[in-house]
Protein backbone atom coordinates (compact mmCIF):
# COMPACT_ATOMS: atom_id res chain seq x y z
CA MET A 1 12.00 50.12 -7.59
CA LEU A 2 8.50 49.11 -6.76
CA ASN A 3 7.93 47.94 -10.13
CA PHE A 4 10.81 45.49 -9.80
CA LEU A 5 9.51 44.27 -6.47
CA LEU A 6 6.21 43.71 -7.69
CA GLY A 7 7.53 41.89 -10.69
CA VAL A 8 9.66 39.50 -8.25
CA ILE A 9 6.55 38.80 -5.99
CA SER A 10 4.28 38.19 -8.78
CA SER A 11 6.96 35.79 -10.37
CA LEU A 12 7.20 33.76 -6.81
CA VAL A 13 3.34 33.59 -6.88
CA ALA A 14 3.13 32.31 -10.40
CA THR A 15 5.80 29.66 -9.68
CA LEU A 16 3.95 28.61 -6.41
CA ILE A 17 0.71 28.19 -8.52
CA TYR A 18 2.41 26.22 -11.19
CA ILE A 19 4.17 23.81 -8.64
CA VAL A 20 0.76 23.23 -6.74
CA THR A 21 -1.20 22.56 -9.74
CA VAL A 22 1.62 20.26 -11.22
CA LYS A 23 2.61 18.51 -8.01
CA TRP A 24 -0.70 18.05 -6.31
CA ILE A 25 -3.78 19.14 -8.17
CA VAL A 26 -3.27 17.35 -11.69
CA PRO A 27 -2.06 14.13 -10.25
CA SER A 28 -4.94 14.02 -7.65
CA PHE A 29 -7.52 14.62 -10.45
CA ILE A 30 -6.07 11.89 -12.63
CA ASN A 31 -5.80 9.36 -9.65
CA LYS A 32 -9.49 10.17 -8.67
CA PHE A 33 -11.32 11.01 -11.68
CA LEU A 34 -9.46 9.32 -14.78
CA TYR A 35 -8.64 6.00 -13.41
CA ASP A 36 -10.20 3.37 -15.38
CA GLY A 37 -8.46 0.20 -13.93
CA ILE A 38 -9.54 -2.61 -11.57
CA THR A 39 -11.03 -2.07 -8.23
CA ILE A 40 -9.79 -4.20 -5.20
CA SER A 41 -11.43 -2.34 -2.28
CA GLY A 42 -12.82 -4.56 0.52
CA SER A 43 -11.83 -7.30 2.87
CA TRP A 44 -9.03 -9.81 1.84
CA ASP A 45 -7.78 -12.98 3.89
CA VAL A 46 -4.13 -13.25 4.07
CA TYR A 47 -2.51 -16.87 3.54
CA GLU A 48 1.00 -17.77 4.13
CA LEU A 49 3.08 -21.10 3.58
CA GLN A 50 3.79 -22.56 7.15
CA ASP A 51 5.27 -26.19 6.78
CA TYR A 52 4.13 -26.35 3.22
CA LYS A 53 0.65 -25.60 4.08
CA LYS A 54 -1.60 -22.57 3.33
CA VAL A 55 -2.41 -21.19 6.75
CA LYS A 56 -4.85 -18.05 7.17
CA SER A 57 -2.76 -15.63 9.22
CA GLY A 58 -4.91 -12.52 9.14
CA ARG A 59 -7.32 -10.14 7.34
CA LEU A 60 -6.35 -7.01 5.07
CA GLU A 61 -8.86 -4.18 4.79
CA LEU A 62 -8.24 -2.33 1.48
CA GLU A 63 -9.77 1.14 0.31
CA GLN A 64 -9.02 2.32 -3.12
CA LYS A 65 -9.30 5.89 -4.43
CA GLY A 66 -8.33 5.86 -8.19
CA ARG A 67 -4.95 3.98 -8.40
CA ILE A 68 -4.12 4.92 -4.69
CA VAL A 69 -4.65 2.05 -2.21
CA THR A 70 -4.56 2.28 1.57
CA GLY A 71 -5.60 -0.27 4.25
CA THR A 72 -5.10 -1.83 7.52
CA SER A 73 -4.65 -5.42 8.65
CA ILE A 74 -4.73 -7.51 11.69
CA ARG A 75 -2.18 -10.44 11.87
CA LYS A 76 -3.95 -13.39 13.89
CA VAL A 77 -1.06 -15.91 13.45
CA THR A 78 2.79 -15.48 13.74
CA ARG A 79 5.22 -17.08 11.17
CA ASP A 80 5.91 -19.97 13.94
CA GLY A 81 2.22 -20.55 14.32
CA LYS A 82 1.53 -18.76 17.76
CA GLU A 83 -1.49 -16.58 18.16
CA SER A 84 -0.93 -13.08 17.50
CA ASN A 85 -2.95 -9.65 17.40
CA ARG A 86 -0.68 -7.33 15.53
CA LYS A 87 -2.00 -4.43 13.42
CA PHE A 88 -0.54 -2.93 10.35
CA ILE A 89 -0.92 0.18 8.31
CA TYR A 90 -0.67 -0.07 4.36
CA HIS A 91 -0.28 2.65 1.80
CA GLY A 92 0.45 2.09 -2.00
CA SER A 93 -0.69 2.04 -5.53
CA ILE A 94 -2.20 -0.47 -8.37
CA SER A 95 -0.91 -0.23 -11.66
CA GLY A 96 -2.47 -2.56 -14.20
CA HIS A 97 -2.96 -5.97 -12.34
CA GLN A 98 0.26 -5.42 -9.97
CA LEU A 99 -0.58 -4.02 -6.54
CA THR A 100 2.45 -2.63 -4.72
CA LEU A 101 2.02 -1.76 -0.83
CA MET A 102 4.27 -0.50 1.69
CA PHE A 103 3.46 -1.35 5.55
CA GLU A 104 4.28 -0.45 9.04
CA ASP A 105 3.19 -1.67 12.44
CA ALA A 106 0.37 0.45 13.87
CA ASN A 107 2.62 0.70 17.17
CA GLY A 108 4.68 3.26 15.54
CA LYS A 109 6.62 4.44 12.67
CA GLY A 110 9.41 2.62 11.57
CA PHE A 111 9.01 -0.10 14.37
CA ASP A 112 8.24 -2.96 11.79
CA THR A 113 8.18 -2.22 8.18
CA GLY A 114 8.07 -3.77 4.76
CA SER A 115 6.33 -4.24 1.46
CA TYR A 116 3.78 -6.30 -0.27
CA ILE A 117 3.89 -6.93 -4.10
CA PHE A 118 0.90 -8.78 -5.39
CA ILE A 119 -0.60 -9.85 -8.96
CA VAL A 120 -4.14 -9.90 -9.04
CA GLU A 121 -5.58 -12.74 -10.92
CA ASN A 122 -8.17 -12.52 -13.61
CA ASN A 123 -11.19 -13.54 -11.59
CA LEU A 124 -10.61 -10.47 -9.12
CA LYS A 125 -10.67 -12.90 -6.13
CA LYS A 126 -7.16 -13.86 -5.61
CA MET A 127 -3.77 -12.20 -5.48
CA VAL A 128 -0.44 -13.97 -5.26
CA GLY A 129 2.74 -12.17 -4.33
CA ARG A 130 5.51 -11.87 -1.87
CA ASN A 131 5.87 -9.99 1.39
CA THR A 132 9.36 -8.63 2.03
CA PHE A 133 10.54 -7.17 5.52
CA HIS A 134 13.45 -7.63 8.13
CA GLY A 135 13.00 -10.79 9.93
CA LYS A 136 14.01 -10.26 13.55
CA ARG A 137 14.85 -14.07 14.41
CA GLU A 138 16.99 -14.32 11.09
CA ASN A 139 18.44 -10.68 11.41
CA GLU A 140 18.23 -10.34 7.51
CA ILE A 141 15.86 -9.25 4.80
CA VAL A 142 13.12 -12.08 4.19
CA SER A 143 10.80 -12.47 1.43
CA GLU A 144 7.96 -14.87 1.74
CA LYS A 145 5.00 -15.98 -0.57
CA ARG A 146 1.65 -14.55 0.52
CA PHE A 147 -1.76 -15.15 -0.99
CA LEU A 148 -4.76 -12.91 -0.85
CA VAL A 149 -8.06 -14.30 -0.91
CA LYS A 150 -11.22 -12.18 -1.32
CA ALA A 151 -13.43 -12.40 1.88
CA LEU A 152 -17.14 -12.81 1.64
């Protein structure tokens, strides 16, 4: 009976070791040490179209570890053109030349969320993409064009 229990316990431990290795250790190693793609870390100015003009609406600070990208931003201008001071938190990944980020308001989880999908241009100084979120005044999903320009 003791041999049976030791066999079950050793099987559970081996399974746990396998899951941890496959689920966390190997992907983390690949993302951090074997990534050989582009690097987009740094400060990016966010521009959007308001009345058919490009308006600087904020700044996005990105940090990249392998293909995993995190960041924060401050939005200085609303979509109506009024002053603002909202902060957002970002997490996502980069694959090839496509950056995919999910964001949420720093005030609380689920308060204001959405996504950014950008294509990084060849010069690594510009990105063009879309911001998708639930528009409060429209009461529907909104997708707007956004531009990121590498800040000096």
